[in-house]
Amino acid sequence: MEKESLMKNAESEKDDDLRPEYDFSELKGGVRGKYAERYREGTNLVLLDPDVAAAFPDAKAVNDALRLLLEKRSPNLS
């Protein structure tokens, strides 16, 4: 049994493709699953082109602009 355990450990070390110089102990403030709840709620992430992103300081501004556009296109949607 001990031999099998050593072999599995050796195989898992071979599969480790992270470089030894990566020091994750220096990372501060990382939170595992930070956006998991949003994902489960069905949040839709959209990448904006840089010029468009510059016009909107935050998600609220984007949502307000899109709602205004929807009202202009179809007043019955609101």
PDB file of N, CA and C in Angstrom:
ATOM      1  N   MET A   1       0.812  -1.195   0.000  1.00  0.00           N
ATOM      2  CA  MET A   1       0.000   0.000   0.000  1.00  0.00           C
ATOM      3  C   MET A   1       0.857   1.262   0.000  1.00  0.00           C
ATOM      4  N   GLU A   2       1.931   1.271   0.766  1.00  0.00           N
ATOM      5  CA  GLU A   2       2.771   2.454   0.870  1.00  0.00           C
ATOM      6  C   GLU A   2       3.397   2.789  -0.478  1.00  0.00           C
ATOM      7  N   LYS A   3       3.776   1.759  -1.226  1.00  0.00           N
ATOM      8  CA  LYS A   3       4.386   1.966  -2.534  1.00  0.00           C
ATOM      9  C   LYS A   3       3.400   2.644  -3.480  1.00  0.00           C
ATOM     10  N   GLU A   4       2.136   2.223  -3.455  1.00  0.00           N
ATOM     11  CA  GLU A   4       1.114   2.833  -4.298  1.00  0.00           C
ATOM     12  C   GLU A   4       0.947   4.309  -3.953  1.00  0.00           C
ATOM     13  N   SER A   5       0.958   4.618  -2.666  1.00  0.00           N
ATOM     14  CA  SER A   5       0.813   5.994  -2.217  1.00  0.00           C
ATOM     15  C   SER A   5       1.962   6.858  -2.728  1.00  0.00           C
ATOM     16  N   LEU A   6       3.174   6.347  -2.647  1.00  0.00           N
ATOM     17  CA  LEU A   6       4.333   7.089  -3.137  1.00  0.00           C
ATOM     18  C   LEU A   6       4.258   7.312  -4.641  1.00  0.00           C
ATOM     19  N   MET A   7       3.784   6.317  -5.370  1.00  0.00           N
ATOM     20  CA  MET A   7       3.671   6.447  -6.821  1.00  0.00           C
ATOM     21  C   MET A   7       2.637   7.506  -7.185  1.00  0.00           C
ATOM     22  N   LYS A   8       1.510   7.502  -6.484  1.00  0.00           N
ATOM     23  CA  LYS A   8       0.485   8.502  -6.766  1.00  0.00           C
ATOM     24  C   LYS A   8       0.997   9.895  -6.478  1.00  0.00           C
ATOM     25  N   ASN A   9       1.754  10.050  -5.397  1.00  0.00           N
ATOM     26  CA  ASN A   9       2.307  11.346  -5.038  1.00  0.00           C
ATOM     27  C   ASN A   9       3.294  11.815  -6.109  1.00  0.00           C
ATOM     28  N   ALA A  10       4.127  10.923  -6.593  1.00  0.00           N
ATOM     29  CA  ALA A  10       5.096  11.267  -7.629  1.00  0.00           C
ATOM     30  C   ALA A  10       4.390  11.672  -8.915  1.00  0.00           C
ATOM     31  N   GLU A  11       3.324  10.961  -9.264  1.00  0.00           N
ATOM     32  CA  GLU A  11       2.574  11.299 -10.470  1.00  0.00           C
ATOM     33  C   GLU A  11       1.910  12.672 -10.341  1.00  0.00           C
ATOM     34  N   SER A  12       1.360  12.986  -9.172  1.00  0.00           N
ATOM     35  CA  SER A  12       0.703  14.273  -9.008  1.00  0.00           C
ATOM     36  C   SER A  12       1.709  15.422  -9.066  1.00  0.00           C
ATOM     37  N   GLU A  13       2.943  15.184  -8.607  1.00  0.00           N
ATOM     38  CA  GLU A  13       3.968  16.218  -8.704  1.00  0.00           C
ATOM     39  C   GLU A  13       4.338  16.471 -10.158  1.00  0.00           C
ATOM     40  N   LYS A  14       4.344  15.443 -10.991  1.00  0.00           N
ATOM     41  CA  LYS A  14       4.634  15.610 -12.413  1.00  0.00           C
ATOM     42  C   LYS A  14       3.554  16.455 -13.087  1.00  0.00           C
ATOM     43  N   ASP A  15       2.298  16.292 -12.664  1.00  0.00           N
ATOM     44  CA  ASP A  15       1.188  17.006 -13.271  1.00  0.00           C
ATOM     45  C   ASP A  15       1.110  18.466 -12.814  1.00  0.00           C
ATOM     46  N   ASP A  16       1.853  18.827 -11.785  1.00  0.00           N
ATOM     47  CA  ASP A  16       1.827  20.187 -11.261  1.00  0.00           C
ATOM     48  C   ASP A  16       2.598  21.084 -12.221  1.00  0.00           C
ATOM     49  N   ASP A  17       1.878  21.925 -12.973  1.00  0.00           N
ATOM     50  CA  ASP A  17       2.537  22.755 -13.964  1.00  0.00           C
ATOM     51  C   ASP A  17       2.808  24.178 -13.471  1.00  0.00           C
ATOM     52  N   LEU A  18       2.589  24.446 -12.182  1.00  0.00           N
ATOM     53  CA  LEU A  18       2.921  25.756 -11.637  1.00  0.00           C
ATOM     54  C   LEU A  18       4.420  25.847 -11.398  1.00  0.00           C
ATOM     55  N   ARG A  19       4.957  26.971 -11.735  1.00  0.00           N
ATOM     56  CA  ARG A  19       6.381  27.162 -11.548  1.00  0.00           C
ATOM     57  C   ARG A  19       6.693  27.397 -10.077  1.00  0.00           C
ATOM     58  N   PRO A  20       7.846  26.963  -9.622  1.00  0.00           N
ATOM     59  CA  PRO A  20       8.194  27.127  -8.212  1.00  0.00           C
ATOM     60  C   PRO A  20       8.311  28.585  -7.791  1.00  0.00           C
ATOM     61  N   GLU A  21       8.568  29.487  -8.743  1.00  0.00           N
ATOM     62  CA  GLU A  21       8.708  30.904  -8.379  1.00  0.00           C
ATOM     63  C   GLU A  21       7.365  31.584  -8.089  1.00  0.00           C
ATOM     64  N   TYR A  22       6.255  30.911  -8.375  1.00  0.00           N
ATOM     65  CA  TYR A  22       4.946  31.469  -8.030  1.00  0.00           C
ATOM     66  C   TYR A  22       4.735  31.318  -6.530  1.00  0.00           C
ATOM     67  N   ASP A  23       4.675  32.432  -5.836  1.00  0.00           N
ATOM     68  CA  ASP A  23       4.523  32.414  -4.382  1.00  0.00           C
ATOM     69  C   ASP A  23       3.157  32.970  -4.025  1.00  0.00           C
ATOM     70  N   PHE A  24       2.193  32.080  -3.830  1.00  0.00           N
ATOM     71  CA  PHE A  24       0.830  32.508  -3.543  1.00  0.00           C
ATOM     72  C   PHE A  24       0.653  33.005  -2.117  1.00  0.00           C
ATOM     73  N   SER A  25       1.664  32.824  -1.273  1.00  0.00           N
ATOM     74  CA  SER A  25       1.559  33.332   0.088  1.00  0.00           C
ATOM     75  C   SER A  25       1.590  34.858   0.102  1.00  0.00           C
ATOM     76  N   GLU A  26       2.077  35.463  -0.980  1.00  0.00           N
ATOM     77  CA  GLU A  26       2.150  36.926  -1.072  1.00  0.00           C
ATOM     78  C   GLU A  26       0.808  37.547  -1.461  1.00  0.00           C
ATOM     79  N   LEU A  27      -0.107  36.745  -1.970  1.00  0.00           N
ATOM     80  CA  LEU A  27      -1.399  37.271  -2.379  1.00  0.00           C
ATOM     81  C   LEU A  27      -2.221  37.629  -1.156  1.00  0.00           C
ATOM     82  N   LYS A  28      -2.803  38.807  -1.177  1.00  0.00           N
ATOM     83  CA  LYS A  28      -3.616  39.258  -0.052  1.00  0.00           C
ATOM     84  C   LYS A  28      -5.026  39.569  -0.549  1.00  0.00           C
ATOM     85  N   GLY A  29      -6.006  39.229   0.242  1.00  0.00           N
ATOM     86  CA  GLY A  29      -7.373  39.621  -0.063  1.00  0.00           C
ATOM     87  C   GLY A  29      -8.112  38.745  -1.048  1.00  0.00           C
ATOM     88  N   GLY A  30      -7.503  37.686  -1.511  1.00  0.00           N
ATOM     89  CA  GLY A  30      -8.198  36.807  -2.437  1.00  0.00           C
ATOM     90  C   GLY A  30      -9.310  36.047  -1.740  1.00  0.00           C
ATOM     91  N   VAL A  31     -10.430  35.943  -2.424  1.00  0.00           N
ATOM     92  CA  VAL A  31     -11.575  35.252  -1.847  1.00  0.00           C
ATOM     93  C   VAL A  31     -12.039  34.202  -2.836  1.00  0.00           C
ATOM     94  N   ARG A  32     -12.015  32.964  -2.412  1.00  0.00           N
ATOM     95  CA  ARG A  32     -12.452  31.877  -3.285  1.00  0.00           C
ATOM     96  C   ARG A  32     -13.966  31.956  -3.466  1.00  0.00           C
ATOM     97  N   GLY A  33     -14.421  31.890  -4.692  1.00  0.00           N
ATOM     98  CA  GLY A  33     -15.851  31.894  -4.972  1.00  0.00           C
ATOM     99  C   GLY A  33     -16.500  33.254  -4.796  1.00  0.00           C
ATOM    100  N   LYS A  34     -15.736  34.307  -4.927  1.00  0.00           N
ATOM    101  CA  LYS A  34     -16.235  35.663  -4.686  1.00  0.00           C
ATOM    102  C   LYS A  34     -17.472  35.980  -5.532  1.00  0.00           C
ATOM    103  N   TYR A  35     -17.498  35.513  -6.747  1.00  0.00           N
ATOM    104  CA  TYR A  35     -18.604  35.821  -7.649  1.00  0.00           C
ATOM    105  C   TYR A  35     -19.513  34.627  -7.894  1.00  0.00           C
ATOM    106  N   ALA A  36     -19.384  33.593  -7.105  1.00  0.00           N
ATOM    107  CA  ALA A  36     -20.171  32.376  -7.321  1.00  0.00           C
ATOM    108  C   ALA A  36     -21.671  32.635  -7.196  1.00  0.00           C
ATOM    109  N   GLU A  37     -22.063  33.427  -6.217  1.00  0.00           N
ATOM    110  CA  GLU A  37     -23.492  33.713  -6.026  1.00  0.00           C
ATOM    111  C   GLU A  37     -24.061  34.481  -7.216  1.00  0.00           C
ATOM    112  N   ARG A  38     -23.324  35.455  -7.714  1.00  0.00           N
ATOM    113  CA  ARG A  38     -23.777  36.193  -8.898  1.00  0.00           C
ATOM    114  C   ARG A  38     -23.944  35.255 -10.082  1.00  0.00           C
ATOM    115  N   TYR A  39     -22.990  34.339 -10.230  1.00  0.00           N
ATOM    116  CA  TYR A  39     -23.053  33.388 -11.331  1.00  0.00           C
ATOM    117  C   TYR A  39     -24.312  32.536 -11.233  1.00  0.00           C
ATOM    118  N   ARG A  40     -24.602  32.075 -10.020  1.00  0.00           N
ATOM    119  CA  ARG A  40     -25.805  31.254  -9.822  1.00  0.00           C
ATOM    120  C   ARG A  40     -27.076  32.058 -10.092  1.00  0.00           C
ATOM    121  N   GLU A  41     -27.038  33.356  -9.844  1.00  0.00           N
ATOM    122  CA  GLU A  41     -28.206  34.199 -10.080  1.00  0.00           C
ATOM    123  C   GLU A  41     -28.404  34.497 -11.563  1.00  0.00           C
ATOM    124  N   GLY A  42     -27.434  34.144 -12.362  1.00  0.00           N
ATOM    125  CA  GLY A  42     -27.569  34.355 -13.796  1.00  0.00           C
ATOM    126  C   GLY A  42     -27.009  35.674 -14.280  1.00  0.00           C
ATOM    127  N   THR A  43     -26.043  36.207 -13.568  1.00  0.00           N
ATOM    128  CA  THR A  43     -25.420  37.448 -14.005  1.00  0.00           C
ATOM    129  C   THR A  43     -24.816  37.245 -15.382  1.00  0.00           C
ATOM    130  N   ASN A  44     -25.034  38.213 -16.235  1.00  0.00           N
ATOM    131  CA  ASN A  44     -24.517  38.153 -17.583  1.00  0.00           C
ATOM    132  C   ASN A  44     -23.364  39.143 -17.696  1.00  0.00           C
ATOM    133  N   LEU A  45     -22.163  38.646 -17.859  1.00  0.00           N
ATOM    134  CA  LEU A  45     -21.005  39.506 -18.011  1.00  0.00           C
ATOM    135  C   LEU A  45     -20.818  39.843 -19.476  1.00  0.00           C
ATOM    136  N   VAL A  46     -20.603  41.122 -19.740  1.00  0.00           N
ATOM    137  CA  VAL A  46     -20.400  41.588 -21.099  1.00  0.00           C
ATOM    138  C   VAL A  46     -19.146  42.447 -21.117  1.00  0.00           C
ATOM    139  N   LEU A  47     -18.265  42.202 -22.055  1.00  0.00           N
ATOM    140  CA  LEU A  47     -17.066  43.015 -22.191  1.00  0.00           C
ATOM    141  C   LEU A  47     -17.371  44.216 -23.075  1.00  0.00           C
ATOM    142  N   LEU A  48     -17.077  45.393 -22.554  1.00  0.00           N
ATOM    143  CA  LEU A  48     -17.301  46.617 -23.309  1.00  0.00           C
ATOM    144  C   LEU A  48     -16.014  47.024 -24.000  1.00  0.00           C
ATOM    145  N   ASP A  49     -16.153  47.616 -25.173  1.00  0.00           N
ATOM    146  CA  ASP A  49     -14.988  48.186 -25.834  1.00  0.00           C
ATOM    147  C   ASP A  49     -14.487  49.347 -24.975  1.00  0.00           C
ATOM    148  N   PRO A  50     -13.186  49.621 -25.016  1.00  0.00           N
ATOM    149  CA  PRO A  50     -12.615  50.646 -24.143  1.00  0.00           C
ATOM    150  C   PRO A  50     -13.287  52.015 -24.244  1.00  0.00           C
ATOM    151  N   ASP A  51     -13.658  52.431 -25.462  1.00  0.00           N
ATOM    152  CA  ASP A  51     -14.292  53.746 -25.606  1.00  0.00           C
ATOM    153  C   ASP A  51     -15.672  53.778 -24.954  1.00  0.00           C
ATOM    154  N   VAL A  52     -16.396  52.688 -25.024  1.00  0.00           N
ATOM    155  CA  VAL A  52     -17.719  52.605 -24.393  1.00  0.00           C
ATOM    156  C   VAL A  52     -17.561  52.538 -22.881  1.00  0.00           C
ATOM    157  N   ALA A  53     -16.637  51.723 -22.393  1.00  0.00           N
ATOM    158  CA  ALA A  53     -16.408  51.592 -20.959  1.00  0.00           C
ATOM    159  C   ALA A  53     -16.013  52.926 -20.342  1.00  0.00           C
ATOM    160  N   ALA A  54     -15.280  53.748 -21.076  1.00  0.00           N
ATOM    161  CA  ALA A  54     -14.859  55.050 -20.555  1.00  0.00           C
ATOM    162  C   ALA A  54     -16.046  55.974 -20.318  1.00  0.00           C
ATOM    163  N   ALA A  55     -17.137  55.755 -21.037  1.00  0.00           N
ATOM    164  CA  ALA A  55     -18.313  56.620 -20.906  1.00  0.00           C
ATOM    165  C   ALA A  55     -19.181  56.246 -19.708  1.00  0.00           C
ATOM    166  N   PHE A  56     -18.960  55.068 -19.137  1.00  0.00           N
ATOM    167  CA  PHE A  56     -19.791  54.592 -18.027  1.00  0.00           C
ATOM    168  C   PHE A  56     -18.911  54.251 -16.830  1.00  0.00           C
ATOM    169  N   PRO A  57     -19.061  54.992 -15.734  1.00  0.00           N
ATOM    170  CA  PRO A  57     -18.184  54.777 -14.588  1.00  0.00           C
ATOM    171  C   PRO A  57     -18.464  53.505 -13.794  1.00  0.00           C
ATOM    172  N   ASP A  58     -19.681  52.966 -13.913  1.00  0.00           N
ATOM    173  CA  ASP A  58     -20.006  51.777 -13.119  1.00  0.00           C
ATOM    174  C   ASP A  58     -21.188  51.037 -13.740  1.00  0.00           C
ATOM    175  N   ALA A  59     -21.536  49.897 -13.144  1.00  0.00           N
ATOM    176  CA  ALA A  59     -22.610  49.053 -13.669  1.00  0.00           C
ATOM    177  C   ALA A  59     -23.957  49.771 -13.650  1.00  0.00           C
ATOM    178  N   LYS A  60     -24.188  50.594 -12.637  1.00  0.00           N
ATOM    179  CA  LYS A  60     -25.460  51.317 -12.550  1.00  0.00           C
ATOM    180  C   LYS A  60     -25.635  52.236 -13.759  1.00  0.00           C
ATOM    181  N   ALA A  61     -24.575  52.924 -14.152  1.00  0.00           N
ATOM    182  CA  ALA A  61     -24.649  53.822 -15.307  1.00  0.00           C
ATOM    183  C   ALA A  61     -24.969  53.044 -16.583  1.00  0.00           C
ATOM    184  N   VAL A  62     -24.375  51.893 -16.734  1.00  0.00           N
ATOM    185  CA  VAL A  62     -24.641  51.056 -17.908  1.00  0.00           C
ATOM    186  C   VAL A  62     -26.092  50.590 -17.902  1.00  0.00           C
ATOM    187  N   ASN A  63     -26.551  50.090 -16.754  1.00  0.00           N
ATOM    188  CA  ASN A  63     -27.927  49.610 -16.653  1.00  0.00           C
ATOM    189  C   ASN A  63     -28.933  50.727 -16.882  1.00  0.00           C
ATOM    190  N   ASP A  64     -28.684  51.915 -16.330  1.00  0.00           N
ATOM    191  CA  ASP A  64     -29.582  53.050 -16.542  1.00  0.00           C
ATOM    192  C   ASP A  64     -29.672  53.407 -18.018  1.00  0.00           C
ATOM    193  N   ALA A  65     -28.525  53.432 -18.701  1.00  0.00           N
ATOM    194  CA  ALA A  65     -28.508  53.765 -20.127  1.00  0.00           C
ATOM    195  C   ALA A  65     -29.247  52.707 -20.942  1.00  0.00           C
ATOM    196  N   LEU A  66     -29.050  51.452 -20.619  1.00  0.00           N
ATOM    197  CA  LEU A  66     -29.735  50.389 -21.363  1.00  0.00           C
ATOM    198  C   LEU A  66     -31.238  50.415 -21.107  1.00  0.00           C
ATOM    199  N   ARG A  67     -31.646  50.711 -19.883  1.00  0.00           N
ATOM    200  CA  ARG A  67     -33.085  50.815 -19.600  1.00  0.00           C
ATOM    201  C   ARG A  67     -33.703  51.978 -20.366  1.00  0.00           C
ATOM    202  N   LEU A  68     -32.996  53.097 -20.443  1.00  0.00           N
ATOM    203  CA  LEU A  68     -33.474  54.246 -21.211  1.00  0.00           C
ATOM    204  C   LEU A  68     -33.628  53.873 -22.682  1.00  0.00           C
ATOM    205  N   LEU A  69     -32.662  53.152 -23.205  1.00  0.00           N
ATOM    206  CA  LEU A  69     -32.737  52.693 -24.591  1.00  0.00           C
ATOM    207  C   LEU A  69     -33.941  51.780 -24.796  1.00  0.00           C
ATOM    208  N   LEU A  70     -34.184  50.881 -23.862  1.00  0.00           N
ATOM    209  CA  LEU A  70     -35.342  49.994 -23.961  1.00  0.00           C
ATOM    210  C   LEU A  70     -36.648  50.775 -23.938  1.00  0.00           C
ATOM    211  N   GLU A  71     -36.735  51.786 -23.091  1.00  0.00           N
ATOM    212  CA  GLU A  71     -37.942  52.610 -23.051  1.00  0.00           C
ATOM    213  C   GLU A  71     -38.176  53.320 -24.364  1.00  0.00           C
ATOM    214  N   LYS A  72     -37.122  53.804 -24.980  1.00  0.00           N
ATOM    215  CA  LYS A  72     -37.248  54.521 -26.258  1.00  0.00           C
ATOM    216  C   LYS A  72     -37.695  53.580 -27.385  1.00  0.00           C
ATOM    217  N   ARG A  73     -37.222  52.338 -27.306  1.00  0.00           N
ATOM    218  CA  ARG A  73     -37.547  51.379 -28.355  1.00  0.00           C
ATOM    219  C   ARG A  73     -38.930  50.802 -28.177  1.00  0.00           C
ATOM    220  N   SER A  74     -39.321  50.518 -26.938  1.00  0.00           N
ATOM    221  CA  SER A  74     -40.590  49.877 -26.688  1.00  0.00           C
ATOM    222  C   SER A  74     -41.117  50.310 -25.315  1.00  0.00           C
ATOM    223  N   PRO A  75     -41.956  51.316 -25.262  1.00  0.00           N
ATOM    224  CA  PRO A  75     -42.440  51.852 -23.976  1.00  0.00           C
ATOM    225  C   PRO A  75     -43.196  50.816 -23.129  1.00  0.00           C
ATOM    226  N   ASN A  76     -43.662  49.735 -23.692  1.00  0.00           N
ATOM    227  CA  ASN A  76     -44.430  48.744 -22.942  1.00  0.00           C
ATOM    228  C   ASN A  76     -43.558  47.763 -22.162  1.00  0.00           C
ATOM    229  N   LEU A  77     -42.223  47.815 -22.324  1.00  0.00           N
ATOM    230  CA  LEU A  77     -41.345  46.870 -21.648  1.00  0.00           C
ATOM    231  C   LEU A  77     -41.096  47.215 -20.189  1.00  0.00           C
ATOM    232  N   SER A  78     -41.319  48.436 -19.777  1.00  0.00           N
ATOM    233  CA  SER A  78     -40.983  48.820 -18.410  1.00  0.00           C
ATOM    234  C   SER A  78     -42.039  48.494 -17.410  1.00  0.00           C
TER     235      SER A  78
END
